[in-house]
Amino acid sequence: MSVRVSPEELADKAAEYGPAAFVITTKSDGTSHVTHQLVAIADGVATCPAGKGTRAAVAERPSVVLLWPPTETQTYSLIADGQATATDDGLTIAISGAVLHRPADAESC
């Protein structure tokens, strides 16, 4: 089940989950590359540190996913999609959409 998160709500919603999120990129061989970073969001743009491998992946494939897993007080994961630009020390990500997502109830499948 998914619930859309508007660009105006994203920074506040991400703050509920804390600053640490998984940054998911795609390497040149098509496999995923996942890192755990401190992410800041303001005005629909996320920024985070990134190593050489993440910056190389973004240079070839700029689509990224940010994932905040559920916490003790949250039942949904927060997932945001965006287009990233690599900088000397990190990423700048223009967020294109976000959702709160939880698994479907097993009994309803």
C-alpha atoms as a PDB file:
ATOM      1  CA  MET A   1       0.000   0.000   0.000  1.00  0.00           C
ATOM      2  CA  SER A   2       1.368   3.404  -0.956  1.00  0.00           C
ATOM      3  CA  VAL A   3       0.496   6.947   0.102  1.00  0.00           C
ATOM      4  CA  ARG A   4       1.823   9.810  -1.990  1.00  0.00           C
ATOM      5  CA  VAL A   5       4.022  12.398  -0.254  1.00  0.00           C
ATOM      6  CA  SER A   6       3.949  15.850  -1.811  1.00  0.00           C
ATOM      7  CA  PRO A   7       7.178  17.781  -2.403  1.00  0.00           C
ATOM      8  CA  GLU A   8       6.039  20.267   0.252  1.00  0.00           C
ATOM      9  CA  GLU A   9       5.655  17.467   2.845  1.00  0.00           C
ATOM     10  CA  LEU A  10       8.851  15.568   2.076  1.00  0.00           C
ATOM     11  CA  ALA A  11      11.327  17.434   4.307  1.00  0.00           C
ATOM     12  CA  ASP A  12       9.013  17.226   7.324  1.00  0.00           C
ATOM     13  CA  LYS A  13       8.181  13.583   6.670  1.00  0.00           C
ATOM     14  CA  ALA A  14      11.876  12.657   6.271  1.00  0.00           C
ATOM     15  CA  ALA A  15      12.638  14.425   9.560  1.00  0.00           C
ATOM     16  CA  GLU A  16      10.243  11.998  11.282  1.00  0.00           C
ATOM     17  CA  TYR A  17      12.459   9.128  10.101  1.00  0.00           C
ATOM     18  CA  GLY A  18      15.776  10.753  10.993  1.00  0.00           C
ATOM     19  CA  PRO A  19      18.674  11.857   8.808  1.00  0.00           C
ATOM     20  CA  ALA A  20      19.992   8.402   7.830  1.00  0.00           C
ATOM     21  CA  ALA A  21      18.671   6.892   4.593  1.00  0.00           C
ATOM     22  CA  PHE A  22      19.768   4.282   2.087  1.00  0.00           C
ATOM     23  CA  VAL A  23      20.926   5.781  -1.209  1.00  0.00           C
ATOM     24  CA  ILE A  24      20.363   3.332  -4.072  1.00  0.00           C
ATOM     25  CA  THR A  25      22.107   3.826  -7.404  1.00  0.00           C
ATOM     26  CA  THR A  26      22.815   1.582 -10.387  1.00  0.00           C
ATOM     27  CA  LYS A  27      26.353   0.642 -11.404  1.00  0.00           C
ATOM     28  CA  SER A  28      27.542   0.396 -15.025  1.00  0.00           C
ATOM     29  CA  ASP A  29      26.967  -3.390 -15.029  1.00  0.00           C
ATOM     30  CA  GLY A  30      23.302  -2.847 -14.086  1.00  0.00           C
ATOM     31  CA  THR A  31      23.605  -4.036 -10.500  1.00  0.00           C
ATOM     32  CA  SER A  32      22.476  -1.928  -7.584  1.00  0.00           C
ATOM     33  CA  HIS A  33      24.825  -0.002  -5.319  1.00  0.00           C
ATOM     34  CA  VAL A  34      23.465   0.757  -1.842  1.00  0.00           C
ATOM     35  CA  THR A  35      25.003   3.080   0.709  1.00  0.00           C
ATOM     36  CA  HIS A  36      23.783   4.394   4.049  1.00  0.00           C
ATOM     37  CA  GLN A  37      24.159   8.179   4.255  1.00  0.00           C
ATOM     38  CA  LEU A  38      23.036  11.215   6.191  1.00  0.00           C
ATOM     39  CA  VAL A  39      20.586  13.006   3.903  1.00  0.00           C
ATOM     40  CA  ALA A  40      19.370  16.599   4.160  1.00  0.00           C
ATOM     41  CA  ILE A  41      16.275  17.801   2.289  1.00  0.00           C
ATOM     42  CA  ALA A  42      15.240  21.379   1.541  1.00  0.00           C
ATOM     43  CA  ASP A  43      12.943  22.747  -1.168  1.00  0.00           C
ATOM     44  CA  GLY A  44      12.598  19.382  -2.946  1.00  0.00           C
ATOM     45  CA  VAL A  45      16.347  18.819  -3.168  1.00  0.00           C
ATOM     46  CA  ALA A  46      18.284  16.234  -1.168  1.00  0.00           C
ATOM     47  CA  THR A  47      22.001  16.396  -0.481  1.00  0.00           C
ATOM     48  CA  CYS A  48      24.279  13.759   0.988  1.00  0.00           C
ATOM     49  CA  PRO A  49      27.901  12.683   1.104  1.00  0.00           C
ATOM     50  CA  ALA A  50      28.950  10.070  -1.447  1.00  0.00           C
ATOM     51  CA  GLY A  51      32.050   8.053  -2.158  1.00  0.00           C
ATOM     52  CA  LYS A  52      33.798   7.577  -5.457  1.00  0.00           C
ATOM     53  CA  GLY A  53      31.720   4.508  -6.426  1.00  0.00           C
ATOM     54  CA  THR A  54      28.399   6.244  -5.841  1.00  0.00           C
ATOM     55  CA  ARG A  55      29.503   9.355  -7.715  1.00  0.00           C
ATOM     56  CA  ALA A  56      30.690   7.188 -10.656  1.00  0.00           C
ATOM     57  CA  ALA A  57      27.362   5.348 -10.761  1.00  0.00           C
ATOM     58  CA  VAL A  58      25.432   8.632 -10.800  1.00  0.00           C
ATOM     59  CA  ALA A  59      27.615  10.010 -13.590  1.00  0.00           C
ATOM     60  CA  GLU A  60      26.430   7.122 -15.816  1.00  0.00           C
ATOM     61  CA  ARG A  61      22.914   6.627 -14.442  1.00  0.00           C
ATOM     62  CA  PRO A  62      21.576   9.628 -12.518  1.00  0.00           C
ATOM     63  CA  SER A  63      18.305   8.050 -11.338  1.00  0.00           C
ATOM     64  CA  VAL A  64      18.477   7.305  -7.617  1.00  0.00           C
ATOM     65  CA  VAL A  65      16.200   6.095  -4.851  1.00  0.00           C
ATOM     66  CA  LEU A  66      16.315   7.245  -1.235  1.00  0.00           C
ATOM     67  CA  LEU A  67      14.869   4.800   1.294  1.00  0.00           C
ATOM     68  CA  TRP A  68      14.078   5.421   4.946  1.00  0.00           C
ATOM     69  CA  PRO A  69      12.962   2.092   6.452  1.00  0.00           C
ATOM     70  CA  PRO A  70      10.179   1.957   9.036  1.00  0.00           C
ATOM     71  CA  THR A  71      11.114   2.921  12.580  1.00  0.00           C
ATOM     72  CA  GLU A  72       9.639   1.841  15.886  1.00  0.00           C
ATOM     73  CA  THR A  73       7.023   4.570  15.519  1.00  0.00           C
ATOM     74  CA  GLN A  74       6.514   4.327  11.723  1.00  0.00           C
ATOM     75  CA  THR A  75       4.837   1.399   9.954  1.00  0.00           C
ATOM     76  CA  TYR A  76       5.607   2.715   6.473  1.00  0.00           C
ATOM     77  CA  SER A  77       8.922   3.080   4.633  1.00  0.00           C
ATOM     78  CA  LEU A  78       9.551   6.468   3.049  1.00  0.00           C
ATOM     79  CA  ILE A  79      10.790   6.155  -0.541  1.00  0.00           C
ATOM     80  CA  ALA A  80      11.831   9.063  -2.764  1.00  0.00           C
ATOM     81  CA  ASP A  81      12.925   9.005  -6.410  1.00  0.00           C
ATOM     82  CA  GLY A  82      15.146  11.602  -7.986  1.00  0.00           C
ATOM     83  CA  GLN A  83      17.795  12.632 -10.453  1.00  0.00           C
ATOM     84  CA  ALA A  84      21.233  13.065  -8.928  1.00  0.00           C
ATOM     85  CA  THR A  85      24.211  15.190  -9.831  1.00  0.00           C
ATOM     86  CA  ALA A  86      27.600  14.216  -8.443  1.00  0.00           C
ATOM     87  CA  THR A  87      29.709  16.884  -6.766  1.00  0.00           C
ATOM     88  CA  ASP A  88      33.279  16.640  -5.499  1.00  0.00           C
ATOM     89  CA  ASP A  89      32.153  15.231  -2.164  1.00  0.00           C
ATOM     90  CA  GLY A  90      28.568  14.060  -2.564  1.00  0.00           C
ATOM     91  CA  LEU A  91      25.264  14.151  -4.377  1.00  0.00           C
ATOM     92  CA  THR A  92      22.604  16.741  -5.063  1.00  0.00           C
ATOM     93  CA  ILE A  93      19.305  15.009  -5.823  1.00  0.00           C
ATOM     94  CA  ALA A  94      16.289  16.728  -7.408  1.00  0.00           C
ATOM     95  CA  ILE A  95      13.372  14.765  -5.958  1.00  0.00           C
ATOM     96  CA  SER A  96      10.746  13.787  -8.547  1.00  0.00           C
ATOM     97  CA  GLY A  97       8.342  11.913  -6.289  1.00  0.00           C
ATOM     98  CA  ALA A  98       7.922  10.242  -2.917  1.00  0.00           C
ATOM     99  CA  VAL A  99       5.639   7.737  -1.241  1.00  0.00           C
ATOM    100  CA  LEU A 100       5.041   6.125   2.100  1.00  0.00           C
ATOM    101  CA  HIS A 101       4.903   2.377   1.463  1.00  0.00           C
ATOM    102  CA  ARG A 102       4.069  -0.662   3.546  1.00  0.00           C
ATOM    103  CA  PRO A 103       3.588  -4.304   2.612  1.00  0.00           C
ATOM    104  CA  ALA A 104       0.085  -5.333   1.661  1.00  0.00           C
ATOM    105  CA  ASP A 105      -1.751  -7.201   4.374  1.00  0.00           C
ATOM    106  CA  ALA A 106      -0.847 -10.867   3.914  1.00  0.00           C
ATOM    107  CA  GLU A 107      -4.475 -11.893   4.342  1.00  0.00           C
ATOM    108  CA  SER A 108      -5.576  -9.706   1.439  1.00  0.00           C
ATOM    109  CA  CYS A 109      -3.123 -11.273  -1.052  1.00  0.00           C
END
